Amino acid sequence: MNVNVRVFAGLRQLVGDSNISVTLPDGSTIGALRDQLAAEYPPLDSMLSTLVCAVDEETQPPEYVLHDGDLVDVIPPISGG
């Protein structure tokens, strides 16, 4: 299956684009997507556990099962005052 991934903020520079397509086996989870992103984009590996993932603009846990064509937003932690 293919999922579309949007990355935000400083992640764009690490990935090289704000929109990427990732191919995963059917039944893959957000956790599996994170593992695939770490394999394809090694600079993301150290920060993947802190990133929020949202499917169709709703945050989801690592065990959430993805579906073909899902849009997954990968958002870095936000801090500020």
N, C-alpha and C. Protein backbone atom coordinates (compact mmCIF):
# COMPACT_ATOMS: atom_id res chain seq x y z
N MET A 1 0.84 -1.18 0.00
CA MET A 1 0.00 0.00 0.00
C MET A 1 0.88 1.23 0.00
N ASN A 2 0.33 2.32 -0.45
CA ASN A 2 1.05 3.60 -0.45
C ASN A 2 0.35 4.58 0.48
N VAL A 3 1.14 5.27 1.29
CA VAL A 3 0.60 6.34 2.11
C VAL A 3 1.34 7.62 1.73
N ASN A 4 0.64 8.71 1.82
CA ASN A 4 1.21 10.02 1.54
C ASN A 4 1.59 10.65 2.86
N VAL A 5 2.79 11.16 2.93
CA VAL A 5 3.31 11.73 4.18
C VAL A 5 3.66 13.20 3.95
N ARG A 6 3.15 14.04 4.84
CA ARG A 6 3.52 15.46 4.83
C ARG A 6 4.37 15.71 6.06
N VAL A 7 5.50 16.37 5.85
CA VAL A 7 6.37 16.72 6.97
C VAL A 7 6.40 18.24 7.11
N PHE A 8 6.60 18.70 8.33
CA PHE A 8 6.49 20.12 8.63
C PHE A 8 7.76 20.65 9.28
N ALA A 9 7.87 21.97 9.27
CA ALA A 9 8.94 22.71 9.94
C ALA A 9 10.31 22.19 9.50
N GLY A 10 11.23 21.99 10.45
CA GLY A 10 12.59 21.59 10.15
C GLY A 10 12.71 20.21 9.53
N LEU A 11 11.65 19.42 9.61
CA LEU A 11 11.69 18.08 9.02
C LEU A 11 11.81 18.16 7.50
N ARG A 12 11.29 19.22 6.91
CA ARG A 12 11.36 19.37 5.45
C ARG A 12 12.80 19.34 4.97
N GLN A 13 13.68 20.04 5.69
CA GLN A 13 15.09 20.07 5.29
C GLN A 13 15.74 18.69 5.41
N LEU A 14 15.35 17.93 6.42
CA LEU A 14 15.94 16.61 6.62
C LEU A 14 15.47 15.61 5.57
N VAL A 15 14.24 15.76 5.11
CA VAL A 15 13.65 14.84 4.14
C VAL A 15 13.90 15.32 2.71
N GLY A 16 13.99 16.63 2.52
CA GLY A 16 14.22 17.17 1.19
C GLY A 16 12.97 17.58 0.46
N ASP A 17 11.81 17.37 1.08
CA ASP A 17 10.54 17.75 0.48
C ASP A 17 9.49 17.79 1.58
N SER A 18 8.38 18.44 1.31
CA SER A 18 7.32 18.48 2.33
C SER A 18 6.29 17.38 2.12
N ASN A 19 6.31 16.74 0.95
CA ASN A 19 5.37 15.65 0.64
C ASN A 19 6.14 14.48 0.06
N ILE A 20 5.95 13.31 0.67
CA ILE A 20 6.60 12.10 0.15
C ILE A 20 5.58 10.96 0.13
N SER A 21 5.85 9.98 -0.68
CA SER A 21 5.02 8.78 -0.74
C SER A 21 5.85 7.62 -0.19
N VAL A 22 5.23 6.83 0.67
CA VAL A 22 5.93 5.69 1.28
C VAL A 22 5.13 4.43 0.99
N THR A 23 5.83 3.40 0.53
CA THR A 23 5.21 2.11 0.26
C THR A 23 5.45 1.20 1.47
N LEU A 24 4.36 0.61 1.96
CA LEU A 24 4.40 -0.27 3.13
C LEU A 24 3.58 -1.52 2.86
N PRO A 25 3.85 -2.61 3.57
CA PRO A 25 2.99 -3.79 3.44
C PRO A 25 1.59 -3.49 3.97
N ASP A 26 0.60 -4.14 3.39
CA ASP A 26 -0.77 -4.00 3.89
C ASP A 26 -0.82 -4.31 5.38
N GLY A 27 -1.63 -3.57 6.11
CA GLY A 27 -1.77 -3.78 7.55
C GLY A 27 -0.71 -3.10 8.39
N SER A 28 0.13 -2.29 7.78
CA SER A 28 1.19 -1.61 8.53
C SER A 28 0.61 -0.54 9.45
N THR A 29 1.35 -0.27 10.50
CA THR A 29 0.93 0.71 11.50
C THR A 29 1.77 1.99 11.38
N ILE A 30 1.37 2.98 12.14
CA ILE A 30 2.16 4.21 12.21
C ILE A 30 3.56 3.88 12.73
N GLY A 31 3.67 2.96 13.65
CA GLY A 31 4.99 2.54 14.13
C GLY A 31 5.86 1.99 13.01
N ALA A 32 5.26 1.19 12.13
CA ALA A 32 6.00 0.66 10.97
C ALA A 32 6.38 1.78 10.02
N LEU A 33 5.49 2.76 9.86
CA LEU A 33 5.81 3.92 9.02
C LEU A 33 7.00 4.67 9.60
N ARG A 34 7.02 4.86 10.90
CA ARG A 34 8.16 5.54 11.53
C ARG A 34 9.45 4.77 11.27
N ASP A 35 9.40 3.45 11.39
CA ASP A 35 10.59 2.63 11.13
C ASP A 35 11.06 2.80 9.68
N GLN A 36 10.11 2.82 8.75
CA GLN A 36 10.44 2.99 7.34
C GLN A 36 11.05 4.37 7.08
N LEU A 37 10.48 5.40 7.71
CA LEU A 37 11.03 6.74 7.55
C LEU A 37 12.46 6.82 8.09
N ALA A 38 12.71 6.16 9.22
CA ALA A 38 14.06 6.15 9.79
C ALA A 38 15.05 5.45 8.85
N ALA A 39 14.59 4.38 8.19
CA ALA A 39 15.45 3.66 7.26
C ALA A 39 15.75 4.49 6.01
N GLU A 40 14.74 5.19 5.51
CA GLU A 40 14.91 5.97 4.29
C GLU A 40 15.56 7.33 4.53
N TYR A 41 15.35 7.89 5.71
CA TYR A 41 15.88 9.22 6.06
C TYR A 41 16.56 9.15 7.42
N PRO A 42 17.79 8.61 7.48
CA PRO A 42 18.48 8.39 8.75
C PRO A 42 18.53 9.60 9.69
N PRO A 43 18.60 10.85 9.21
CA PRO A 43 18.61 11.97 10.16
C PRO A 43 17.33 12.06 11.02
N LEU A 44 16.25 11.43 10.58
CA LEU A 44 15.01 11.44 11.36
C LEU A 44 15.02 10.45 12.52
N ASP A 45 15.88 9.45 12.45
CA ASP A 45 15.86 8.34 13.40
C ASP A 45 15.85 8.79 14.85
N SER A 46 16.71 9.70 15.20
CA SER A 46 16.84 10.10 16.60
C SER A 46 15.65 10.89 17.12
N MET A 47 14.82 11.42 16.23
CA MET A 47 13.71 12.24 16.69
C MET A 47 12.33 11.62 16.46
N LEU A 48 12.27 10.47 15.83
CA LEU A 48 10.97 9.89 15.50
C LEU A 48 10.08 9.63 16.70
N SER A 49 10.66 9.28 17.83
CA SER A 49 9.82 9.00 19.00
C SER A 49 9.14 10.24 19.55
N THR A 50 9.62 11.42 19.18
CA THR A 50 9.02 12.67 19.68
C THR A 50 8.03 13.28 18.69
N LEU A 51 7.93 12.70 17.50
CA LEU A 51 7.06 13.27 16.48
C LEU A 51 5.62 12.82 16.67
N VAL A 52 4.71 13.72 16.38
CA VAL A 52 3.28 13.41 16.42
C VAL A 52 2.85 13.03 15.01
N CYS A 53 2.08 11.97 14.91
CA CYS A 53 1.55 11.56 13.61
C CYS A 53 0.03 11.70 13.63
N ALA A 54 -0.48 12.29 12.57
CA ALA A 54 -1.92 12.47 12.44
C ALA A 54 -2.37 11.88 11.10
N VAL A 55 -3.49 11.19 11.13
CA VAL A 55 -4.09 10.65 9.92
C VAL A 55 -5.39 11.41 9.70
N ASP A 56 -5.49 12.00 8.52
CA ASP A 56 -6.66 12.83 8.20
C ASP A 56 -6.91 13.87 9.30
N GLU A 57 -5.82 14.48 9.74
CA GLU A 57 -5.81 15.58 10.71
C GLU A 57 -6.23 15.18 12.13
N GLU A 58 -6.18 13.88 12.44
CA GLU A 58 -6.49 13.41 13.78
C GLU A 58 -5.29 12.61 14.30
N THR A 59 -4.73 13.02 15.46
CA THR A 59 -3.56 12.34 15.98
C THR A 59 -3.87 10.88 16.28
N GLN A 60 -2.87 10.03 16.02
CA GLN A 60 -3.05 8.60 16.18
C GLN A 60 -1.85 7.99 16.90
N PRO A 61 -2.07 6.91 17.67
CA PRO A 61 -0.98 6.23 18.36
C PRO A 61 -0.18 5.36 17.39
N PRO A 62 1.01 4.90 17.82
CA PRO A 62 1.86 4.07 16.95
C PRO A 62 1.19 2.79 16.47
N GLU A 63 0.22 2.26 17.20
CA GLU A 63 -0.42 1.00 16.80
C GLU A 63 -1.58 1.20 15.82
N TYR A 64 -1.87 2.43 15.45
CA TYR A 64 -2.93 2.71 14.49
C TYR A 64 -2.60 2.04 13.16
N VAL A 65 -3.55 1.29 12.59
CA VAL A 65 -3.35 0.60 11.32
C VAL A 65 -3.67 1.54 10.16
N LEU A 66 -2.70 1.67 9.27
CA LEU A 66 -2.86 2.55 8.11
C LEU A 66 -3.58 1.84 6.98
N HIS A 67 -4.13 2.65 6.08
CA HIS A 67 -4.83 2.13 4.91
C HIS A 67 -4.25 2.77 3.65
N ASP A 68 -4.36 2.05 2.55
CA ASP A 68 -3.85 2.56 1.28
C ASP A 68 -4.43 3.95 1.00
N GLY A 69 -3.56 4.88 0.67
CA GLY A 69 -3.98 6.24 0.33
C GLY A 69 -4.11 7.18 1.50
N ASP A 70 -3.87 6.70 2.73
CA ASP A 70 -3.96 7.60 3.89
C ASP A 70 -3.00 8.77 3.74
N LEU A 71 -3.39 9.90 4.30
CA LEU A 71 -2.53 11.07 4.39
C LEU A 71 -2.07 11.17 5.84
N VAL A 72 -0.76 11.06 6.05
CA VAL A 72 -0.19 11.08 7.39
C VAL A 72 0.65 12.35 7.52
N ASP A 73 0.30 13.17 8.50
CA ASP A 73 1.10 14.35 8.83
C ASP A 73 2.08 13.97 9.92
N VAL A 74 3.34 14.31 9.71
CA VAL A 74 4.38 14.06 10.71
C VAL A 74 4.83 15.42 11.21
N ILE A 75 4.55 15.67 12.50
CA ILE A 75 4.70 17.00 13.07
C ILE A 75 5.72 16.96 14.22
N PRO A 76 6.73 17.82 14.16
CA PRO A 76 7.69 17.87 15.26
C PRO A 76 7.05 18.50 16.50
N PRO A 77 7.64 18.27 17.67
CA PRO A 77 7.12 18.89 18.88
C PRO A 77 7.15 20.42 18.75
N ILE A 78 6.16 21.03 19.33
CA ILE A 78 6.07 22.50 19.27
C ILE A 78 6.28 23.03 20.68
N SER A 79 7.15 24.02 20.79
CA SER A 79 7.35 24.65 22.10
C SER A 79 7.34 26.15 21.89
N GLY A 80 7.14 26.82 22.95
CA GLY A 80 7.11 28.28 22.84
C GLY A 80 6.68 28.89 24.15
N GLY A 81 6.60 30.17 24.14
CA GLY A 81 6.26 30.84 25.38
C GLY A 81 4.98 31.59 25.30
